[in-house]
Amino acid sequence: MNFSSSFLEFEGIYNSEKKQKTWSELSSQFHAFWTDRVMSSDSETISDEDCDKIIKILDRNGKGNNKDTEAIARAMVSQGAWRRLFNELHKNKKLGKAVNSILIEKDLKLKAQFIDELYQLDEAQKIYLTGKSGNTVSVFLAAYDPFNYLSVISLKDRRSLLDYLGSEYVKEFDENSIGSKIIHSNTILIETIKSSGVAGDARKISEYCYYPPVKELWRGEFTSPQDASDKDQIKEFTVTVASDKEEANEQADESEVRESIKIQGLLSKIGEEMGFDIWLPMPDRARVAKVWQPKDQKTLLTSLPLSYDKVTQSTIGLIDVIWIRNKRSIARAFEVEHTTSIYSGILRMADLVALQPDINIKMHIVASSERQEKFSTEIRRPVFSYMTSGRLSDMCTFISYDDVRHIAEMEHLNHLKDGILETYEVSAERSDE
């Protein structure tokens, strides 16, 4: 089976005229928001409501999206991070103008140069604007011009597609600057796909790339059926078969370990402020004590007041941070993952679910934003997708270090509910799957 084999089938279900009309309207909404709100000279905060209307267009996981909603892609950015990003671009005129220059520039060489310059700004790194996957910049480009810029926003995915299609560009891809990768891979990938026999604008080509029979060819992801609670319906979900080229058993350097300890401390502080008791693994307590001391010594529990068997108790006791409600039940569990493979934290959560299939705990993997895509790949492995109690990806989400820091700095933290985390978590699955 070659890349274009499914194109006639795909064309039969893809309404080009309707799609073009829809995306013309959605792009116009993005243009208006960008010009009238982000680039306006006023100093007013952009409301969550105004941000959320645009996040729905940019991000498949955006609040309010469902299976019938059109969105650029699953951008791997939390709702709260998007809101913060838009307001920072509005407030920080230097950053806002830098992104605006990228969007309006017609010359591709200059466009790539402007992206490189944006990546050199420290402020951009702090608000999810820049990253090695290029997701956020590519989402903006696709929203600004959806018919010429691919919704294949991840550079990793673009490289995989180019590699599968045998493009010579792969040889120089890794050597190019981030700006050149984002801009030139867009042009070359479109040309390469069209030469394979697939026709259409950038949006149509992008949707074809993620059409399940096609995605299986180049990405190693397979759509699998799963019984739904309603016996008359079947749900489908995506399983990732990881490549042998992926990192394995990498060890974090000392600075990363120190950073993870700080995050453990911040999570403990946030939980305490919200009224929870805190559990930390015994081996970590001395190190965490250097960055967090409970206001009330009784807050840090010396034993787990839970009625589980010894094996389950031992597994729970090793989880990096646990928030416990009323000294009786687990509210949230956090694994702070500082290894490149990010596998060990996910595995511990899976062990807990395997031991207690009916356990109802909100679980989170916490790591640097650069590891978010790795989290999504790992948690959708078959071993975590075919568990007796369901998919682990439905039970466990990702929260970035940056978002933990942001939450820790919020005013009146002691008046907030732990549900605030749901604004900053990111699921590995689409919200409608």
Protein backbone atom coordinates (compact mmCIF):
# COMPACT_ATOMS: atom_id res chain seq x y z
CA MET A 1 0.00 0.00 0.00
CA ASN A 2 1.46 3.40 -0.99
CA PHE A 3 0.76 6.87 0.35
CA SER A 4 -1.91 7.84 -2.20
CA SER A 5 -3.79 4.52 -2.22
CA SER A 6 -6.54 5.82 0.10
CA PHE A 7 -6.96 9.20 -1.58
CA LEU A 8 -10.04 8.34 -3.67
CA GLU A 9 -11.71 6.91 -0.58
CA PHE A 10 -10.76 10.02 1.39
CA GLU A 11 -12.11 12.36 -1.31
CA GLY A 12 -15.44 10.57 -1.05
CA ILE A 13 -15.89 11.76 2.54
CA TYR A 14 -14.10 15.12 2.33
CA ASN A 15 -16.35 18.02 1.30
CA SER A 16 -13.79 20.45 -0.13
CA GLU A 17 -16.25 23.28 -0.76
CA LYS A 18 -17.68 23.12 2.75
CA LYS A 19 -14.23 22.83 4.32
CA GLN A 20 -12.91 25.84 2.41
CA LYS A 21 -15.89 27.95 3.48
CA THR A 22 -15.51 26.87 7.11
CA TRP A 23 -11.80 27.59 7.23
CA SER A 24 -12.17 30.94 5.50
CA GLU A 25 -14.55 31.93 8.29
CA LEU A 26 -12.40 30.51 11.10
CA SER A 27 -9.28 32.18 9.72
CA SER A 28 -11.14 35.49 9.53
CA GLN A 29 -12.05 35.11 13.20
CA PHE A 30 -8.41 34.52 14.05
CA HIS A 31 -7.34 37.57 12.00
CA ALA A 32 -9.87 39.78 13.77
CA PHE A 33 -8.84 38.53 17.21
CA TRP A 34 -5.17 38.97 16.39
CA THR A 35 -5.60 42.52 15.07
CA ASP A 36 -8.30 43.84 17.41
CA ARG A 37 -7.25 42.17 20.67
CA VAL A 38 -3.68 40.89 20.64
CA MET A 39 -2.14 43.73 18.62
CA SER A 40 -4.34 46.53 19.98
CA SER A 41 -2.64 49.34 21.89
CA ASP A 42 -4.92 49.15 24.94
CA SER A 43 -3.70 47.64 28.22
CA GLU A 44 -6.84 45.67 29.03
CA THR A 45 -6.54 41.99 29.83
CA ILE A 46 -8.01 39.74 27.15
CA SER A 47 -10.82 37.85 28.84
CA ASP A 48 -10.82 34.07 29.15
CA GLU A 49 -14.04 34.04 27.13
CA ASP A 50 -12.44 35.88 24.20
CA CYS A 51 -9.33 33.70 24.34
CA ASP A 52 -11.35 30.48 24.50
CA LYS A 53 -13.21 31.28 21.25
CA ILE A 54 -9.88 31.35 19.42
CA ILE A 55 -8.32 28.44 21.31
CA LYS A 56 -11.19 26.32 19.96
CA ILE A 57 -9.96 27.13 16.44
CA LEU A 58 -6.30 26.53 17.21
CA ASP A 59 -6.39 23.47 19.41
CA ARG A 60 -8.34 20.22 19.06
CA ASN A 61 -8.22 19.93 22.87
CA GLY A 62 -9.61 23.44 23.30
CA LYS A 63 -12.45 23.92 25.75
CA GLY A 64 -15.82 23.20 24.13
CA ASN A 65 -14.52 21.23 21.15
CA ASN A 66 -16.14 17.95 20.15
CA LYS A 67 -15.93 15.48 17.27
CA ASP A 68 -17.87 17.82 14.96
CA THR A 69 -15.74 20.89 15.69
CA GLU A 70 -13.06 22.07 13.28
CA ALA A 71 -9.67 22.90 14.81
CA ILE A 72 -6.14 23.22 13.45
CA ALA A 73 -4.56 20.36 15.41
CA ARG A 74 -3.98 18.89 18.84
CA ALA A 75 -1.41 21.48 19.86
CA MET A 76 -0.34 20.00 23.22
CA VAL A 77 -0.85 23.35 25.01
CA SER A 78 -3.15 23.63 28.00
CA GLN A 79 -6.12 26.02 28.05
CA GLY A 80 -4.50 28.09 30.77
CA ALA A 81 -1.20 28.31 28.90
CA TRP A 82 -2.98 29.53 25.75
CA ARG A 83 -4.73 32.25 27.72
CA ARG A 84 -1.47 33.32 29.33
CA LEU A 85 0.28 33.32 25.94
CA PHE A 86 -2.29 35.61 24.31
CA ASN A 87 -2.20 38.08 27.17
CA GLU A 88 1.59 38.11 27.22
CA LEU A 89 1.70 38.79 23.47
CA HIS A 90 -0.80 41.61 24.03
CA LYS A 91 1.10 43.10 26.95
CA ASN A 92 4.66 42.52 25.70
CA LYS A 93 4.72 44.58 22.51
CA LYS A 94 8.15 43.30 21.55
CA LEU A 95 6.90 39.71 21.54
CA GLY A 96 3.62 40.59 19.86
CA LYS A 97 5.38 42.43 17.04
CA ALA A 98 7.84 39.56 16.62
CA VAL A 99 5.00 37.09 16.03
CA ASN A 100 3.11 39.57 13.87
CA SER A 101 6.16 39.96 11.61
CA ILE A 102 6.20 36.20 11.10
CA LEU A 103 2.51 36.09 10.19
CA ILE A 104 2.44 38.98 7.71
CA GLU A 105 5.79 38.43 5.97
CA LYS A 106 5.48 37.05 2.42
CA ASP A 107 9.13 36.34 1.73
CA LEU A 108 9.81 32.80 3.00
CA LYS A 109 13.48 33.40 3.72
CA LEU A 110 12.64 36.42 5.88
CA LYS A 111 9.78 34.52 7.52
CA ALA A 112 12.22 31.79 8.59
CA GLN A 113 14.66 34.43 9.84
CA PHE A 114 11.95 36.08 11.94
CA ILE A 115 11.11 32.72 13.53
CA ASP A 116 14.79 32.21 14.40
CA GLU A 117 14.86 35.66 16.00
CA LEU A 118 11.71 34.84 18.01
CA TYR A 119 13.36 31.66 19.29
CA GLN A 120 16.25 33.74 20.62
CA LEU A 121 13.95 35.76 22.90
CA ASP A 122 13.95 34.44 26.46
CA GLU A 123 10.42 35.74 27.05
CA ALA A 124 9.10 33.51 24.26
CA GLN A 125 10.39 30.34 25.89
CA LYS A 126 8.43 30.99 29.06
CA ILE A 127 4.95 31.05 27.48
CA TYR A 128 4.93 28.00 25.18
CA LEU A 129 5.62 30.20 22.17
CA THR A 130 8.80 28.37 21.23
CA GLY A 131 9.83 24.74 21.46
CA LYS A 132 11.69 22.16 19.42
CA SER A 133 8.48 20.75 17.94
CA GLY A 134 7.50 24.17 16.54
CA ASN A 135 3.85 23.50 17.42
CA THR A 136 2.73 26.95 18.53
CA VAL A 137 4.29 28.94 15.69
CA SER A 138 3.00 26.39 13.17
CA VAL A 139 -0.53 26.60 14.65
CA PHE A 140 -0.48 30.38 14.25
CA LEU A 141 0.69 30.08 10.65
CA ALA A 142 -2.02 27.54 9.84
CA ALA A 143 -4.73 29.67 11.45
CA TYR A 144 -3.53 32.81 9.65
CA ASP A 145 -3.38 31.05 6.27
CA PRO A 146 -4.96 27.57 6.49
CA PHE A 147 -4.83 26.91 2.75
CA ASN A 148 -1.08 27.38 2.37
CA TYR A 149 0.26 26.29 5.77
CA LEU A 150 -0.07 22.72 6.93
CA SER A 151 -2.00 21.65 10.01
CA VAL A 152 0.75 19.05 10.40
CA ILE A 153 2.22 21.29 13.08
CA SER A 154 4.79 19.00 14.69
CA LEU A 155 8.25 19.04 13.13
CA LYS A 156 8.63 15.46 14.29
CA ASP A 157 5.59 14.47 12.23
CA ARG A 158 6.78 16.46 9.23
CA ARG A 159 10.15 14.74 9.33
CA SER A 160 8.50 11.33 9.63
CA LEU A 161 6.32 12.08 6.61
CA LEU A 162 9.26 13.31 4.55
CA ASP A 163 11.27 10.26 5.54
CA TYR A 164 8.42 7.90 4.63
CA LEU A 165 7.95 9.64 1.27
CA GLY A 166 11.67 9.41 0.50
CA SER A 167 12.34 13.14 0.30
CA GLU A 168 15.97 14.18 -0.16
CA TYR A 169 15.25 17.13 2.14
CA VAL A 170 15.47 14.82 5.17
CA LYS A 171 19.26 14.87 4.80
CA GLU A 172 19.44 18.61 5.47
CA PHE A 173 16.39 18.88 7.74
CA ASP A 174 18.32 18.19 10.95
CA GLU A 175 20.99 20.75 10.06
CA ASN A 176 18.56 23.59 9.39
CA SER A 177 17.63 26.30 11.89
CA ILE A 178 14.23 26.03 13.56
CA GLY A 179 12.85 28.79 11.32
CA SER A 180 14.03 27.05 8.17
CA LYS A 181 12.60 23.75 9.38
CA ILE A 182 9.16 25.24 10.01
CA ILE A 183 8.94 27.25 6.79
CA HIS A 184 10.77 25.09 4.27
CA SER A 185 9.42 21.74 5.49
CA ASN A 186 5.93 23.19 4.92
CA THR A 187 6.64 23.98 1.28
CA ILE A 188 8.62 20.84 0.53
CA LEU A 189 6.16 18.51 2.24
CA ILE A 190 3.21 19.96 0.31
CA GLU A 191 5.11 19.57 -2.97
CA THR A 192 6.22 16.04 -2.10
CA ILE A 193 2.71 14.91 -1.15
CA LYS A 194 1.19 16.45 -4.28
CA SER A 195 3.79 14.67 -6.43
CA SER A 196 2.63 11.38 -4.90
CA GLY A 197 -0.84 11.88 -6.37
CA VAL A 198 -2.63 13.67 -3.51
CA ALA A 199 -4.30 16.94 -4.54
CA GLY A 200 -5.74 19.83 -2.56
CA ASP A 201 -4.89 22.78 -0.35
CA ALA A 202 -2.78 22.58 2.81
CA ARG A 203 -5.77 21.88 5.05
CA LYS A 204 -7.00 19.02 2.88
CA ILE A 205 -3.51 17.54 2.58
CA SER A 206 -3.08 17.73 6.36
CA GLU A 207 -6.35 15.95 7.06
CA TYR A 208 -5.39 13.25 4.57
CA CYS A 209 -2.07 12.70 6.38
CA TYR A 210 -4.01 11.93 9.58
CA TYR A 211 -6.66 9.83 7.84
CA PRO A 212 -6.39 6.53 9.82
CA PRO A 213 -5.30 4.23 6.95
CA VAL A 214 -2.66 6.79 5.93
CA LYS A 215 -1.46 7.57 9.44
CA GLU A 216 -0.75 3.87 9.98
CA LEU A 217 1.73 3.98 7.12
CA TRP A 218 4.02 6.77 8.31
CA ARG A 219 3.38 7.28 12.01
CA GLY A 220 2.92 3.80 13.44
CA GLU A 221 -0.41 4.72 15.03
CA PHE A 222 -3.39 2.44 14.69
CA THR A 223 -7.05 3.10 15.31
CA SER A 224 -8.45 0.32 17.47
CA PRO A 225 -12.03 -0.41 18.57
CA GLN A 226 -13.03 -0.58 22.22
CA ASP A 227 -16.41 -1.47 23.68
CA ALA A 228 -18.25 1.60 24.84
CA SER A 229 -20.47 1.69 27.93
CA ASP A 230 -23.37 1.79 25.51
CA LYS A 231 -23.29 -1.69 23.95
CA ASP A 232 -24.80 -0.35 20.73
CA GLN A 233 -21.80 1.90 20.16
CA ILE A 234 -18.13 1.27 19.58
CA LYS A 235 -15.49 3.79 20.55
CA GLU A 236 -12.23 4.05 18.68
CA PHE A 237 -8.90 5.10 20.10
CA THR A 238 -5.36 5.54 18.90
CA VAL A 239 -2.52 3.21 19.82
CA THR A 240 1.11 4.17 19.31
CA VAL A 241 3.76 1.62 18.45
CA ALA A 242 6.97 3.33 19.56
CA SER A 243 10.02 3.19 17.30
CA ASP A 244 13.22 1.48 18.38
CA LYS A 245 14.88 4.79 17.62
CA GLU A 246 13.13 6.40 20.57
CA GLU A 247 15.18 7.12 23.66
CA ALA A 248 15.32 4.43 26.31
CA ASN A 249 16.72 4.29 29.84
CA GLU A 250 18.26 7.74 29.64
CA GLN A 251 19.46 9.25 32.85
CA ALA A 252 18.75 12.83 33.80
CA ASP A 253 21.61 15.12 34.64
CA GLU A 254 22.02 16.59 38.11
CA SER A 255 20.38 19.92 37.21
CA GLU A 256 17.25 18.13 36.01
CA VAL A 257 17.04 16.13 39.23
CA ARG A 258 17.35 19.32 41.28
CA GLU A 259 14.59 20.91 39.20
CA SER A 260 12.29 17.94 39.80
CA ILE A 261 12.78 18.31 43.56
CA LYS A 262 11.77 21.98 43.33
CA ILE A 263 8.62 20.96 41.45
CA GLN A 264 7.83 18.35 44.12
CA GLY A 265 8.09 21.15 46.65
CA LEU A 266 5.82 23.46 44.65
CA LEU A 267 3.21 20.74 44.22
CA SER A 268 3.33 20.14 47.97
CA LYS A 269 2.93 23.85 48.62
CA ILE A 270 -0.03 24.16 46.23
CA GLY A 271 -1.74 21.13 47.78
CA GLU A 272 -1.22 22.45 51.29
CA GLU A 273 -2.62 25.88 50.35
CA MET A 274 -5.71 24.18 48.92
CA GLY A 275 -6.30 22.33 52.17
CA PHE A 276 -4.94 18.87 51.37
CA ASP A 277 -2.61 16.73 53.43
CA ILE A 278 0.56 15.78 51.59
CA TRP A 279 2.36 12.51 51.07
CA LEU A 280 5.95 12.35 49.85
CA PRO A 281 8.06 9.19 49.46
CA MET A 282 10.34 8.72 52.44
CA PRO A 283 13.60 8.86 50.39
CA ASP A 284 12.63 12.26 48.93
CA ARG A 285 11.65 14.06 52.11
CA ALA A 286 15.03 15.42 53.13
CA ARG A 287 15.64 16.88 49.67
CA VAL A 288 12.15 18.36 49.32
CA ALA A 289 12.48 19.89 52.80
CA LYS A 290 15.12 22.23 51.39
CA VAL A 291 12.50 23.88 49.16
CA TRP A 292 9.24 23.34 51.07
CA GLN A 293 8.38 23.26 54.75
CA PRO A 294 4.73 22.69 55.74
CA LYS A 295 3.10 25.44 57.76
CA ASP A 296 1.61 22.74 59.95
CA GLN A 297 3.83 19.68 60.51
CA LYS A 298 0.72 17.47 60.55
CA THR A 299 0.14 18.34 56.88
CA LEU A 300 3.01 16.10 55.79
CA LEU A 301 1.75 12.64 56.64
CA THR A 302 4.08 10.08 58.19
CA SER A 303 1.91 7.14 57.12
CA LEU A 304 -0.74 6.53 54.49
CA PRO A 305 -4.22 6.40 56.08
CA LEU A 306 -5.55 4.18 53.30
CA SER A 307 -7.21 0.79 53.50
CA TYR A 308 -5.39 -0.98 50.66
CA ASP A 309 -3.38 -4.18 50.73
CA LYS A 310 0.37 -4.04 51.35
CA VAL A 311 1.35 -4.23 47.68
CA THR A 312 -0.94 -1.33 46.78
CA GLN A 313 0.23 0.67 49.80
CA SER A 314 3.85 0.14 48.76
CA THR A 315 3.13 1.28 45.19
CA ILE A 316 1.22 4.37 46.33
CA GLY A 317 3.95 5.19 48.83
CA LEU A 318 6.48 5.65 46.01
CA ILE A 319 4.42 8.19 44.04
CA ASP A 320 6.24 11.54 44.03
CA VAL A 321 3.46 13.74 45.46
CA ILE A 322 -0.03 12.81 46.66
CA TRP A 323 -2.76 15.15 47.80
CA ILE A 324 -4.96 13.48 50.42
CA ARG A 325 -8.41 14.76 51.34
CA ASN A 326 -9.52 14.68 54.97
CA LYS A 327 -6.77 12.16 55.78
CA ARG A 328 -8.91 9.47 54.17
CA SER A 329 -8.83 9.47 50.37
CA ILE A 330 -6.45 10.35 47.55
CA ALA A 331 -7.53 13.42 45.57
CA ARG A 332 -4.62 13.67 43.12
CA ALA A 333 -1.36 11.85 42.46
CA PHE A 334 1.66 13.35 40.70
CA GLU A 335 4.72 11.73 39.18
CA VAL A 336 7.46 14.29 38.55
CA GLU A 337 9.33 12.82 35.60
CA HIS A 338 12.84 14.06 34.92
CA THR A 339 14.15 11.26 32.70
CA THR A 340 14.05 11.68 28.94
CA SER A 341 12.15 8.43 28.43
CA ILE A 342 9.34 9.64 30.77
CA TYR A 343 8.34 5.98 30.98
CA SER A 344 8.89 5.27 34.66
CA GLY A 345 6.27 7.72 35.95
CA ILE A 346 3.64 6.40 33.55
CA LEU A 347 4.50 2.84 34.55
CA ARG A 348 3.98 3.59 38.25
CA MET A 349 0.53 5.01 37.51
CA ALA A 350 -0.26 1.91 35.44
CA ASP A 351 0.88 -0.33 38.31
CA LEU A 352 -1.51 1.46 40.64
CA VAL A 353 -4.46 1.06 38.26
CA ALA A 354 -3.58 -2.61 37.67
CA LEU A 355 -3.58 -3.26 41.42
CA GLN A 356 -6.81 -1.33 42.00
CA PRO A 357 -8.88 -1.33 38.76
CA ASP A 358 -11.74 0.55 40.41
CA ILE A 359 -9.56 3.24 41.93
CA ASN A 360 -10.82 6.76 41.21
CA ILE A 361 -7.79 9.03 41.41
CA LYS A 362 -6.85 11.97 39.20
CA MET A 363 -3.31 11.22 38.05
CA HIS A 364 -0.78 13.54 36.46
CA ILE A 365 2.66 13.25 34.90
CA VAL A 366 4.58 16.46 35.55
CA ALA A 367 7.61 17.28 33.38
CA SER A 368 9.20 20.01 31.29
CA SER A 369 7.10 21.12 28.31
CA GLU A 370 9.65 19.63 25.90
CA ARG A 371 8.64 16.15 27.12
CA GLN A 372 4.92 16.60 26.51
CA GLU A 373 4.98 14.97 23.09
CA LYS A 374 6.99 12.09 24.51
CA PHE A 375 4.32 11.64 27.20
CA SER A 376 1.62 11.46 24.54
CA THR A 377 3.54 8.79 22.61
CA GLU A 378 4.40 6.64 25.62
CA ILE A 379 1.01 6.63 27.33
CA ARG A 380 -0.70 5.44 24.13
CA ARG A 381 1.44 2.30 23.86
CA PRO A 382 -0.67 -0.87 23.58
CA VAL A 383 0.32 -2.00 27.09
CA PHE A 384 -1.38 1.10 28.53
CA SER A 385 -4.26 1.15 26.04
CA TYR A 386 -5.61 -2.36 26.54
CA MET A 387 -5.76 -2.36 30.34
CA THR A 388 -8.67 -4.16 32.02
CA SER A 389 -9.93 -0.95 33.58
CA GLY A 390 -9.60 1.12 30.38
CA ARG A 391 -7.03 3.34 28.72
CA LEU A 392 -4.47 4.92 31.02
CA SER A 393 -4.56 7.98 28.74
CA ASP A 394 -8.14 8.58 29.91
CA MET A 395 -7.05 8.58 33.55
CA CYS A 396 -3.67 10.33 33.49
CA THR A 397 -2.83 13.77 32.08
CA PHE A 398 0.25 15.94 31.58
CA ILE A 399 1.07 19.16 33.46
CA SER A 400 4.20 21.14 32.63
CA TYR A 401 6.76 22.51 35.06
CA ASP A 402 5.93 26.03 33.82
CA ASP A 403 2.25 25.61 34.60
CA VAL A 404 3.02 24.29 38.09
CA ARG A 405 5.13 27.40 38.70
CA HIS A 406 2.33 29.61 37.38
CA ILE A 407 -0.29 27.98 39.62
CA ALA A 408 2.03 28.29 42.63
CA GLU A 409 2.24 32.06 42.04
CA MET A 410 -1.51 32.62 41.81
CA GLU A 411 -3.06 35.03 44.26
CA HIS A 412 -5.43 33.67 46.89
CA LEU A 413 -4.29 30.11 46.26
CA ASN A 414 -5.86 29.04 49.52
CA HIS A 415 -9.27 30.01 48.15
CA LEU A 416 -8.91 28.00 44.93
CA LYS A 417 -10.20 24.49 44.34
CA ASP A 418 -7.99 21.76 42.93
CA GLY A 419 -10.14 21.81 39.78
CA ILE A 420 -7.97 24.73 38.63
CA LEU A 421 -5.46 22.08 37.52
CA GLU A 422 -7.87 20.97 34.83
CA THR A 423 -7.29 24.29 33.06
CA TYR A 424 -3.59 23.48 32.84
CA GLU A 425 -3.58 19.75 32.21
CA VAL A 426 -3.24 18.28 28.72
CA SER A 427 -4.67 14.93 27.70
CA ALA A 428 -2.89 12.60 25.32
CA GLU A 429 -6.23 11.92 23.69
CA ARG A 430 -8.56 14.20 21.81
CA SER A 431 -11.45 15.33 23.95
CA ASP A 432 -13.99 13.68 21.62
CA GLU A 433 -12.30 10.27 21.38
